[in-house]
Amino acid sequence: MNFNFNASELLFALPELFLLSAIAIILLFDLFISDRLKHITYYLSQLALLLTGFSVFNLIGESAIIFSGTFVLDTLGSTFKVFILGFAIIALAYTRHYLKVHDLLRNEYFILAMMSILGMLIMVSGHSLLTLYLGLEIMSLSLYALIATARDRTAAIEAALKYFVLGAIASGLLLYGMSMIYGISGSLNIAQISNFASAATLGSQQTLILNFGLVFLVIGVAFKLGAVPFHMWVPDVYQGSPTSVTMFLSSVPKIAAVAILIRLLIDGLGSLQHYWSDLFMILAILSIAIGSLVALNQTNIKRMLAYSTISHIGFVLLGFVTGVVDGYGAAVFYVLTYILMSLAAFGVIIALNKNGFEADQIADFQGLSKSSPWLALIMLVVMLSMAGVPPFIGFYSKLFILQQVVAEGYVILAVLAVIFAVISAYYYLQIIKTMYFSDKDKSIVIYAPLDMKILLSINGILILLVGLMPSFWMELSVSLF
């Protein structure tokens, strides 16, 4: 591959370059400040993410393929990046309280979080197998280290090791699939791979190798999304990680995982859609079924939300099964709404944390409606939305997906999804019952700072407001394709 460098192309990668520079500067700055001023790193990190988001927002509408075809700038990528940065800012705002009360406030946490976000931005704009893999590894390596932030906790170290080992296997499988596709197509470029895969003269042997490569790609992406049967790491890592890391894992990287799926399978191997949609159909229904059923027996809320995530990912994959633009848009809408709900759910859990106490059991929510009616109301909204109860946003995201599935003739799939969605309502309602109908002798004292309470309130209100006006967001999601 010939690599031609044009300095003017740097403008199209300005957000990534700015974020990388900001990480280096904050890292150096952190070396020369006293412990008393260490909290400044948090504000600098948030400022860097905000400015990066502003520069990305200014690039919406621009379109270019730069750096010899390895990096693409388009509306889909820019919109995804805005959401990644927006959700990351919310996640870090919740995180600070958790790190403070558990004496984990170390500045490397924010540096690692920003590095993983940089990896996600690169993944979103990847237009070459090499760029996509580079972004994936930058994100993954940072996440492995983030999970191990709580070095004194055995569960956190175990979770980090488990995620690292299984993640390395998944990355290896993804790389193997990429190498097969590169070997048969002779190119790393997504557009050239697409042209090769859709060629009318493609021989049966070439199709066979492409399909083998495709299977490994799907496995790699399914692992990153946490779909069944590649979900083994999700419950253990969610439970063992510090809650702030669990919240981060359950939210922002999901957008990057959907982005790599779009780049690889829709942009690159769209002509093989009838092959990979069959694989996605199996992954989707298994994820919805196992996620919904296993969550019923959980008493740890982080573990319950892990299985809930698996079930939600199944719905996202259903959108890709349809193979039409409206279905892809419905999947994007679903993943964005899920992240909004997930951030609020973990935000409430973090708000209940205090020094030496992790509110990670469902029983810890007993009597919350009496101690903090507002927090209980936010959790009520989140749980009803996740269960798919109208008029909350979770209802419309499920409805949008099911409409597309039925429209494309997958009626049995839609019926199964509805049955398991009804079953899953039980464990969401269980939390509501615990908050409102179970008394606790000792009242819960909330130590969360005011800024976190305000942000959490906005987060909860958005779940209702967007649910009342879902059309704009649905049309925006479809217009990205």
Protein backbone atom coordinates (compact mmCIF):
# COMPACT_ATOMS: atom_id res chain seq x y z
CA MET A 1 0.00 0.00 0.00
CA ASN A 2 1.39 3.40 -1.02
CA PHE A 3 1.01 6.00 1.70
CA ASN A 4 0.81 9.61 0.50
CA PHE A 5 0.83 12.26 3.19
CA ASN A 6 -0.92 15.57 2.64
CA ALA A 7 -0.64 18.07 5.50
CA SER A 8 -4.04 19.61 4.70
CA GLU A 9 -5.70 16.28 5.57
CA LEU A 10 -4.71 16.77 9.20
CA LEU A 11 -7.62 19.20 9.55
CA PHE A 12 -10.07 16.33 9.11
CA ALA A 13 -8.43 14.42 11.96
CA LEU A 14 -8.18 17.49 14.19
CA PRO A 15 -10.37 16.08 17.04
CA GLU A 16 -8.21 12.94 17.40
CA LEU A 17 -4.98 14.98 17.17
CA PHE A 18 -6.27 17.48 19.73
CA LEU A 19 -7.32 14.76 22.16
CA LEU A 20 -3.98 12.97 21.79
CA SER A 21 -2.11 16.25 22.45
CA ALA A 22 -4.35 17.01 25.43
CA ILE A 23 -3.64 13.57 26.93
CA ALA A 24 0.12 14.12 26.60
CA ILE A 25 -0.07 17.63 28.11
CA ILE A 26 -2.30 16.55 31.04
CA LEU A 27 0.00 13.59 31.69
CA LEU A 28 3.04 15.88 31.87
CA PHE A 29 1.14 18.48 33.90
CA ASP A 30 0.21 15.82 36.41
CA LEU A 31 3.89 15.08 37.09
CA PHE A 32 4.60 18.61 38.30
CA ILE A 33 1.63 19.42 40.56
CA SER A 34 1.26 18.69 44.24
CA ASP A 35 -1.19 16.14 45.61
CA ARG A 36 -3.35 19.01 46.90
CA LEU A 37 -4.01 20.13 43.31
CA LYS A 38 -4.45 16.70 41.77
CA HIS A 39 -8.20 17.27 41.34
CA ILE A 40 -7.35 19.75 38.56
CA THR A 41 -6.61 16.76 36.31
CA TYR A 42 -10.30 15.87 36.39
CA TYR A 43 -11.37 19.33 35.23
CA LEU A 44 -8.68 19.42 32.53
CA SER A 45 -9.85 16.01 31.27
CA GLN A 46 -13.45 17.18 31.08
CA LEU A 47 -12.35 20.38 29.30
CA ALA A 48 -10.31 18.35 26.79
CA LEU A 49 -13.30 16.11 26.04
CA LEU A 50 -15.59 19.12 25.72
CA LEU A 51 -13.26 20.90 23.27
CA THR A 52 -12.78 17.67 21.30
CA GLY A 53 -16.56 17.31 21.12
CA PHE A 54 -16.85 20.90 19.88
CA SER A 55 -14.29 20.30 17.11
CA VAL A 56 -16.09 17.08 16.09
CA PHE A 57 -19.42 18.91 16.02
CA ASN A 58 -17.97 21.48 13.61
CA LEU A 59 -16.99 18.68 11.23
CA ILE A 60 -20.54 17.27 10.94
CA GLY A 61 -21.52 17.47 7.29
CA GLU A 62 -17.91 17.20 6.06
CA SER A 63 -16.97 14.11 4.09
CA ALA A 64 -13.49 12.89 3.15
CA ILE A 65 -11.33 9.79 2.97
CA ILE A 66 -7.81 10.71 4.00
CA PHE A 67 -4.40 9.29 4.89
CA SER A 68 -4.30 7.07 1.77
CA GLY A 69 -7.76 5.67 2.41
CA THR A 70 -7.17 4.57 6.01
CA PHE A 71 -9.33 7.20 7.75
CA VAL A 72 -12.84 8.27 6.82
CA LEU A 73 -14.72 11.37 7.84
CA ASP A 74 -18.48 11.21 7.30
CA THR A 75 -21.69 12.25 9.01
CA LEU A 76 -22.14 8.85 10.65
CA GLY A 77 -18.64 8.94 12.13
CA SER A 78 -18.89 12.55 13.34
CA THR A 79 -22.32 11.96 14.93
CA PHE A 80 -21.07 8.82 16.68
CA LYS A 81 -18.07 10.75 18.00
CA VAL A 82 -20.28 13.52 19.40
CA PHE A 83 -22.31 10.91 21.29
CA ILE A 84 -19.16 9.10 22.49
CA LEU A 85 -17.71 12.32 23.89
CA GLY A 86 -21.04 13.48 25.36
CA PHE A 87 -21.68 10.20 27.16
CA ALA A 88 -18.04 10.05 28.31
CA ILE A 89 -18.33 13.49 29.94
CA ILE A 90 -21.42 12.32 31.87
CA ALA A 91 -19.71 9.06 32.86
CA LEU A 92 -16.60 10.86 34.19
CA ALA A 93 -18.79 13.30 36.14
CA TYR A 94 -20.45 10.36 37.96
CA THR A 95 -17.07 8.67 38.36
CA ARG A 96 -15.47 11.40 40.44
CA HIS A 97 -17.80 10.85 43.40
CA TYR A 98 -17.17 7.10 43.36
CA LEU A 99 -13.38 7.52 43.22
CA LYS A 100 -13.48 10.00 46.10
CA VAL A 101 -15.54 7.91 48.52
CA HIS A 102 -13.50 4.78 47.82
CA ASP A 103 -10.12 6.53 47.97
CA LEU A 104 -9.37 5.63 44.34
CA LEU A 105 -8.97 9.18 43.03
CA ARG A 106 -5.80 8.77 41.01
CA ASN A 107 -5.17 10.90 37.96
CA GLU A 108 -4.12 8.00 35.77
CA TYR A 109 -7.79 6.96 35.84
CA PHE A 110 -8.80 9.97 33.74
CA ILE A 111 -5.78 9.58 31.44
CA LEU A 112 -6.71 5.94 30.79
CA ALA A 113 -10.35 6.87 30.20
CA MET A 114 -9.29 9.48 27.64
CA MET A 115 -6.96 6.99 25.93
CA SER A 116 -9.79 4.51 25.57
CA ILE A 117 -12.00 7.30 24.14
CA LEU A 118 -9.24 8.13 21.64
CA GLY A 119 -9.25 4.47 20.57
CA MET A 120 -13.04 4.65 20.09
CA LEU A 121 -12.75 7.77 17.91
CA ILE A 122 -10.18 5.99 15.72
CA MET A 123 -12.43 2.93 15.45
CA VAL A 124 -15.36 5.07 14.36
CA SER A 125 -13.30 6.61 11.54
CA GLY A 126 -11.46 3.43 10.56
CA HIS A 127 -11.52 2.86 6.80
CA SER A 128 -8.86 0.19 6.78
CA LEU A 129 -8.60 -3.12 8.64
CA LEU A 130 -5.36 -1.81 10.13
CA THR A 131 -6.91 1.43 11.46
CA LEU A 132 -9.90 -0.42 12.91
CA TYR A 133 -7.65 -2.89 14.72
CA LEU A 134 -5.37 -0.11 15.97
CA GLY A 135 -8.34 1.77 17.45
CA LEU A 136 -9.73 -1.41 18.99
CA GLU A 137 -6.45 -2.21 20.74
CA ILE A 138 -5.95 1.33 22.05
CA MET A 139 -9.44 1.17 23.54
CA SER A 140 -9.12 -2.36 24.90
CA LEU A 141 -5.68 -1.97 26.53
CA SER A 142 -6.85 1.16 28.33
CA LEU A 143 -9.98 -0.62 29.57
CA TYR A 144 -7.95 -3.58 30.93
CA ALA A 145 -5.90 -1.14 33.02
CA LEU A 146 -8.99 0.81 34.12
CA ILE A 147 -10.61 -2.33 35.55
CA ALA A 148 -7.48 -2.98 37.62
CA THR A 149 -7.52 0.54 39.06
CA ALA A 150 -8.63 -0.82 42.43
CA ARG A 151 -5.37 -2.68 42.99
CA ASP A 152 -6.30 -3.75 46.52
CA ARG A 153 -9.48 -5.55 45.46
CA THR A 154 -9.09 -9.20 44.53
CA ALA A 155 -12.35 -9.14 42.52
CA ALA A 156 -11.14 -6.20 40.41
CA ILE A 157 -7.81 -7.87 39.61
CA GLU A 158 -9.61 -11.11 38.74
CA ALA A 159 -12.03 -9.19 36.50
CA ALA A 160 -9.16 -7.38 34.77
CA LEU A 161 -7.29 -10.65 34.13
CA LYS A 162 -10.44 -12.36 32.86
CA TYR A 163 -11.27 -9.48 30.55
CA PHE A 164 -7.66 -9.31 29.35
CA VAL A 165 -7.37 -13.04 28.55
CA LEU A 166 -10.78 -13.35 26.88
CA GLY A 167 -10.31 -10.00 25.13
CA ALA A 168 -6.94 -11.10 23.78
CA ILE A 169 -8.50 -14.30 22.40
CA ALA A 170 -11.31 -12.30 20.75
CA SER A 171 -8.81 -9.81 19.30
CA GLY A 172 -6.78 -12.72 17.95
CA LEU A 173 -9.86 -14.20 16.27
CA LEU A 174 -10.78 -10.81 14.82
CA LEU A 175 -7.22 -10.37 13.52
CA TYR A 176 -7.31 -13.87 12.02
CA GLY A 177 -10.54 -13.04 10.20
CA MET A 178 -9.02 -9.78 8.94
CA SER A 179 -5.91 -11.61 7.70
CA MET A 180 -8.08 -14.08 5.73
CA ILE A 181 -10.00 -11.24 4.11
CA TYR A 182 -6.78 -9.38 3.35
CA GLY A 183 -5.25 -12.56 1.96
CA ILE A 184 -8.09 -13.20 -0.51
CA SER A 185 -8.90 -9.59 -1.44
CA GLY A 186 -5.32 -8.27 -1.45
CA SER A 187 -6.36 -5.05 0.30
CA LEU A 188 -6.79 -3.59 3.76
CA ASN A 189 -8.99 -0.80 2.45
CA ILE A 190 -12.70 -1.15 3.32
CA ALA A 191 -13.91 0.26 -0.04
CA GLN A 192 -11.63 -2.06 -2.04
CA ILE A 193 -12.71 -5.05 0.06
CA SER A 194 -16.34 -4.09 -0.65
CA ASN A 195 -15.65 -3.92 -4.40
CA PHE A 196 -13.91 -7.32 -4.28
CA ALA A 197 -16.70 -8.98 -2.25
CA SER A 198 -19.45 -7.68 -4.54
CA ALA A 199 -17.68 -8.63 -7.80
CA ALA A 200 -19.91 -10.72 -10.03
CA THR A 201 -16.95 -12.93 -11.04
CA LEU A 202 -16.20 -14.05 -7.49
CA GLY A 203 -15.34 -17.76 -7.52
CA SER A 204 -16.72 -20.31 -5.07
CA GLN A 205 -13.31 -20.76 -3.39
CA GLN A 206 -12.96 -17.00 -2.90
CA THR A 207 -16.49 -16.84 -1.46
CA LEU A 208 -15.65 -19.68 0.92
CA ILE A 209 -12.54 -17.92 2.26
CA LEU A 210 -14.44 -14.64 2.58
CA ASN A 211 -17.12 -16.44 4.57
CA PHE A 212 -14.53 -18.00 6.88
CA GLY A 213 -13.04 -14.55 7.45
CA LEU A 214 -16.53 -13.19 8.02
CA VAL A 215 -17.25 -15.73 10.77
CA PHE A 216 -14.11 -14.70 12.69
CA LEU A 217 -14.98 -11.02 12.28
CA VAL A 218 -18.47 -11.63 13.66
CA ILE A 219 -17.02 -13.51 16.65
CA GLY A 220 -14.64 -10.64 17.42
CA VAL A 221 -17.37 -8.00 17.22
CA ALA A 222 -19.85 -10.18 19.16
CA PHE A 223 -17.30 -10.49 21.98
CA LYS A 224 -16.84 -6.72 22.17
CA LEU A 225 -20.62 -6.28 22.28
CA GLY A 226 -21.02 -9.05 24.88
CA ALA A 227 -23.43 -11.14 22.79
CA VAL A 228 -24.19 -14.80 23.65
CA PRO A 229 -22.28 -17.16 23.45
CA PHE A 230 -19.32 -14.74 23.78
CA HIS A 231 -20.76 -13.12 26.90
CA MET A 232 -18.82 -15.10 29.56
CA TRP A 233 -16.76 -12.09 30.63
CA VAL A 234 -19.69 -9.68 31.01
CA PRO A 235 -21.26 -10.74 34.39
CA ASP A 236 -17.94 -11.37 36.16
CA VAL A 237 -16.28 -8.19 34.88
CA TYR A 238 -19.35 -6.05 35.64
CA GLN A 239 -19.52 -7.42 39.19
CA GLY A 240 -15.78 -7.40 39.94
CA SER A 241 -14.90 -4.00 38.49
CA PRO A 242 -15.24 -0.77 40.47
CA THR A 243 -18.78 0.51 39.75
CA SER A 244 -17.45 3.58 37.93
CA VAL A 245 -15.57 1.32 35.50
CA THR A 246 -18.60 -0.95 35.11
CA MET A 247 -20.64 2.10 34.16
CA PHE A 248 -18.02 3.17 31.61
CA LEU A 249 -17.77 -0.38 30.15
CA SER A 250 -21.53 -0.70 29.85
CA SER A 251 -21.98 2.56 28.00
CA VAL A 252 -19.49 4.39 25.77
CA PRO A 253 -17.61 1.42 24.17
CA LYS A 254 -20.93 0.04 22.87
CA ILE A 255 -21.10 2.89 20.32
CA ALA A 256 -17.56 2.06 19.13
CA ALA A 257 -18.47 -1.64 18.87
CA VAL A 258 -21.51 -0.78 16.72
CA ALA A 259 -19.29 1.51 14.62
CA ILE A 260 -16.75 -1.23 13.90
CA LEU A 261 -19.64 -3.54 13.02
CA ILE A 262 -20.94 -0.98 10.51
CA ARG A 263 -17.50 -0.34 9.01
CA LEU A 264 -16.58 -4.01 8.66
CA LEU A 265 -19.86 -5.69 7.82
CA ILE A 266 -22.08 -3.05 6.18
CA ASP A 267 -19.45 -0.87 4.46
CA GLY A 268 -16.97 -3.68 3.77
CA LEU A 269 -18.96 -6.91 3.44
CA GLY A 270 -22.44 -5.57 2.75
CA SER A 271 -22.76 -7.87 -0.28
CA LEU A 272 -22.49 -10.85 2.10
CA GLN A 273 -25.35 -9.55 4.26
CA HIS A 274 -27.41 -12.71 3.75
CA TYR A 275 -24.55 -14.71 5.32
CA TRP A 276 -23.84 -12.53 8.34
CA SER A 277 -27.50 -11.74 9.04
CA ASP A 278 -28.09 -15.46 9.71
CA LEU A 279 -25.26 -15.42 12.26
CA PHE A 280 -26.67 -12.28 13.84
CA MET A 281 -30.12 -13.86 14.06
CA ILE A 282 -28.72 -16.68 16.23
CA LEU A 283 -26.64 -14.29 18.36
CA ALA A 284 -29.61 -11.95 18.82
CA ILE A 285 -32.18 -14.46 19.97
CA LEU A 286 -29.70 -16.29 22.23
CA SER A 287 -28.65 -12.99 23.82
CA ILE A 288 -32.23 -11.87 24.44
CA ALA A 289 -33.25 -15.27 25.85
CA ILE A 290 -30.25 -15.99 28.09
CA GLY A 291 -29.88 -12.37 29.21
CA SER A 292 -33.54 -12.21 30.23
CA LEU A 293 -33.73 -15.61 31.94
CA VAL A 294 -30.46 -15.61 33.90
CA ALA A 295 -31.02 -12.08 35.20
CA LEU A 296 -34.12 -13.33 37.07
CA ASN A 297 -32.03 -15.04 39.76
CA GLN A 298 -29.50 -12.27 40.42
CA THR A 299 -29.28 -10.51 43.77
CA ASN A 300 -26.27 -8.36 42.85
CA ILE A 301 -27.55 -5.36 40.89
CA LYS A 302 -24.34 -4.99 38.82
CA ARG A 303 -24.57 -8.63 37.79
CA MET A 304 -28.27 -8.22 37.03
CA LEU A 305 -27.52 -5.19 34.85
CA ALA A 306 -24.80 -7.23 33.10
CA TYR A 307 -27.38 -9.80 31.97
CA SER A 308 -29.73 -6.94 31.15
CA THR A 309 -26.99 -5.52 28.88
CA ILE A 310 -26.66 -8.88 27.12
CA SER A 311 -30.40 -8.88 26.49
CA HIS A 312 -30.35 -5.30 25.15
CA ILE A 313 -27.45 -6.15 22.84
CA GLY A 314 -29.66 -8.90 21.40
CA PHE A 315 -32.22 -6.25 20.43
CA VAL A 316 -29.48 -4.14 18.82
CA LEU A 317 -28.38 -7.12 16.72
CA LEU A 318 -31.98 -7.70 15.62
CA GLY A 319 -31.81 -4.34 13.85
CA PHE A 320 -28.82 -5.54 11.82
CA VAL A 321 -30.57 -8.81 10.96
CA THR A 322 -33.09 -6.88 8.85
CA GLY A 323 -30.44 -5.80 6.32
CA VAL A 324 -32.24 -2.52 5.53
CA VAL A 325 -31.38 1.08 6.30
CA ASP A 326 -34.34 1.56 8.64
CA GLY A 327 -33.24 -1.52 10.60
CA TYR A 328 -29.68 -0.21 10.94
CA GLY A 329 -31.08 3.15 12.08
CA ALA A 330 -33.29 1.41 14.64
CA ALA A 331 -30.22 -0.44 15.99
CA VAL A 332 -28.28 2.83 16.35
CA PHE A 333 -31.28 4.47 18.06
CA TYR A 334 -31.53 1.50 20.43
CA VAL A 335 -27.86 1.54 21.43
CA LEU A 336 -27.92 5.30 22.09
CA THR A 337 -31.05 5.08 24.24
CA TYR A 338 -29.67 2.07 26.10
CA ILE A 339 -26.51 4.02 26.99
CA LEU A 340 -28.59 6.94 28.30
CA MET A 341 -30.52 4.52 30.53
CA SER A 342 -27.41 2.61 31.63
CA LEU A 343 -25.61 5.81 32.70
CA ALA A 344 -28.60 6.84 34.82
CA ALA A 345 -28.89 3.38 36.41
CA PHE A 346 -25.23 3.25 37.40
CA GLY A 347 -25.36 6.93 38.37
CA VAL A 348 -28.00 6.11 41.02
CA ILE A 349 -25.94 3.13 42.25
CA ILE A 350 -22.86 5.37 42.56
CA ALA A 351 -24.89 8.04 44.38
CA LEU A 352 -25.67 5.49 47.12
CA ASN A 353 -21.98 4.66 47.63
CA LYS A 354 -20.21 5.98 50.67
CA ASN A 355 -16.84 5.39 52.25
CA GLY A 356 -16.30 1.64 52.59
CA PHE A 357 -19.78 0.79 51.29
CA GLU A 358 -20.62 -0.49 47.80
CA ALA A 359 -24.35 -0.34 47.05
CA ASP A 360 -24.16 -3.30 44.70
CA GLN A 361 -26.90 -5.52 46.16
CA ILE A 362 -30.56 -5.13 45.21
CA ALA A 363 -31.32 -5.26 48.96
CA ASP A 364 -29.29 -2.04 49.40
CA PHE A 365 -32.14 -0.18 47.70
CA GLN A 366 -34.64 -1.03 50.46
CA GLY A 367 -36.42 2.08 51.67
CA LEU A 368 -34.80 4.40 49.11
CA SER A 369 -38.20 5.94 48.30
CA LYS A 370 -38.42 7.22 51.90
CA SER A 371 -34.79 8.34 52.29
CA SER A 372 -34.42 9.94 48.87
CA PRO A 373 -37.70 10.09 46.90
CA TRP A 374 -36.07 11.92 43.96
CA LEU A 375 -33.31 9.31 43.46
CA ALA A 376 -35.89 6.54 43.82
CA LEU A 377 -38.04 8.27 41.18
CA ILE A 378 -35.07 8.48 38.77
CA MET A 379 -34.36 4.76 39.29
CA LEU A 380 -38.07 4.04 38.79
CA VAL A 381 -37.99 5.87 35.44
CA VAL A 382 -34.82 3.99 34.37
CA MET A 383 -36.20 0.58 35.31
CA LEU A 384 -39.57 1.18 33.60
CA SER A 385 -37.75 2.44 30.53
CA MET A 386 -35.43 -0.57 30.43
CA ALA A 387 -38.46 -2.84 30.78
CA GLY A 388 -40.00 -1.15 27.74
CA VAL A 389 -42.94 0.57 29.42
CA PRO A 390 -44.44 3.61 27.58
CA PRO A 391 -43.99 6.58 27.41
CA PHE A 392 -40.33 6.16 28.28
CA ILE A 393 -37.59 6.01 25.66
CA GLY A 394 -36.94 2.29 26.17
CA PHE A 395 -40.42 1.50 24.87
CA TYR A 396 -39.88 3.35 21.58
CA SER A 397 -36.42 1.84 21.02
CA LYS A 398 -37.90 -1.67 21.36
CA LEU A 399 -40.93 -0.75 19.24
CA PHE A 400 -38.75 0.72 16.47
CA ILE A 401 -36.63 -2.43 16.30
CA LEU A 402 -39.65 -4.77 16.32
CA GLN A 403 -41.40 -2.75 13.60
CA GLN A 404 -38.40 -3.21 11.28
CA VAL A 405 -38.07 -6.90 12.15
CA VAL A 406 -41.75 -7.55 11.37
CA ALA A 407 -41.61 -5.41 8.20
CA GLU A 408 -38.83 -7.64 6.85
CA GLY A 409 -40.82 -10.80 7.54
CA TYR A 410 -39.10 -12.04 10.73
CA VAL A 411 -42.38 -12.37 12.63
CA ILE A 412 -41.30 -15.35 14.79
CA LEU A 413 -38.18 -13.47 15.85
CA ALA A 414 -40.31 -10.50 16.87
CA VAL A 415 -42.71 -12.71 18.86
CA LEU A 416 -39.82 -14.38 20.72
CA ALA A 417 -38.27 -10.98 21.48
CA VAL A 418 -41.58 -9.71 22.90
CA ILE A 419 -42.01 -12.84 25.08
CA PHE A 420 -38.54 -12.47 26.60
CA ALA A 421 -39.01 -8.70 26.99
CA VAL A 422 -42.12 -9.43 29.08
CA ILE A 423 -40.15 -11.95 31.18
CA SER A 424 -37.35 -9.43 31.71
CA ALA A 425 -39.83 -6.92 33.15
CA TYR A 426 -39.88 -9.05 36.32
CA TYR A 427 -36.36 -8.21 37.47
CA TYR A 428 -36.75 -4.52 36.69
CA LEU A 429 -39.99 -4.44 38.70
CA GLN A 430 -38.21 -6.28 41.52
CA ILE A 431 -35.95 -3.26 42.05
CA ILE A 432 -38.96 -0.92 42.06
CA LYS A 433 -40.66 -3.18 44.63
CA THR A 434 -37.50 -3.12 46.79
CA MET A 435 -37.33 0.67 46.71
CA TYR A 436 -41.02 1.37 47.35
CA PHE A 437 -42.46 -1.59 49.24
CA SER A 438 -39.58 -2.92 51.39
CA ASP A 439 -38.82 -1.10 54.61
CA LYS A 440 -35.38 -0.78 56.11
CA ASP A 441 -34.67 -0.07 59.76
CA LYS A 442 -31.78 2.23 58.98
CA SER A 443 -32.38 5.12 56.57
CA ILE A 444 -30.06 5.61 53.59
CA VAL A 445 -27.92 8.75 53.69
CA ILE A 446 -26.96 10.16 50.28
CA TYR A 447 -23.50 11.77 50.14
CA ALA A 448 -23.46 12.54 46.40
CA PRO A 449 -22.40 16.14 45.57
CA LEU A 450 -24.88 18.65 44.19
CA ASP A 451 -23.43 18.69 40.64
CA MET A 452 -23.85 14.93 40.41
CA LYS A 453 -27.44 15.11 41.67
CA ILE A 454 -28.25 17.80 39.07
CA LEU A 455 -26.64 15.79 36.26
CA LEU A 456 -28.42 12.64 37.38
CA SER A 457 -31.73 14.52 37.39
CA ILE A 458 -31.12 15.79 33.83
CA ASN A 459 -30.18 12.23 32.80
CA GLY A 460 -33.42 10.84 34.23
CA ILE A 461 -35.59 13.64 32.77
CA LEU A 462 -34.05 13.08 29.31
CA ILE A 463 -35.22 9.45 29.41
CA LEU A 464 -38.77 10.76 29.73
CA LEU A 465 -38.46 13.78 27.41
CA VAL A 466 -36.83 11.90 24.53
CA GLY A 467 -39.46 9.22 25.03
CA LEU A 468 -42.17 11.86 24.54
CA MET A 469 -40.51 13.11 21.32
CA PRO A 470 -38.80 10.06 19.82
CA SER A 471 -39.42 10.88 16.13
CA PHE A 472 -36.52 13.33 15.78
CA TRP A 473 -33.99 10.87 17.19
CA MET A 474 -35.37 7.98 15.13
CA GLU A 475 -35.12 10.02 11.91
CA LEU A 476 -31.61 11.18 12.86
CA SER A 477 -30.49 7.57 13.39
CA VAL A 478 -31.86 6.44 10.02
CA SER A 479 -30.40 9.48 8.22
CA LEU A 480 -26.87 8.41 9.21
CA PHE A 481 -26.95 5.58 6.63
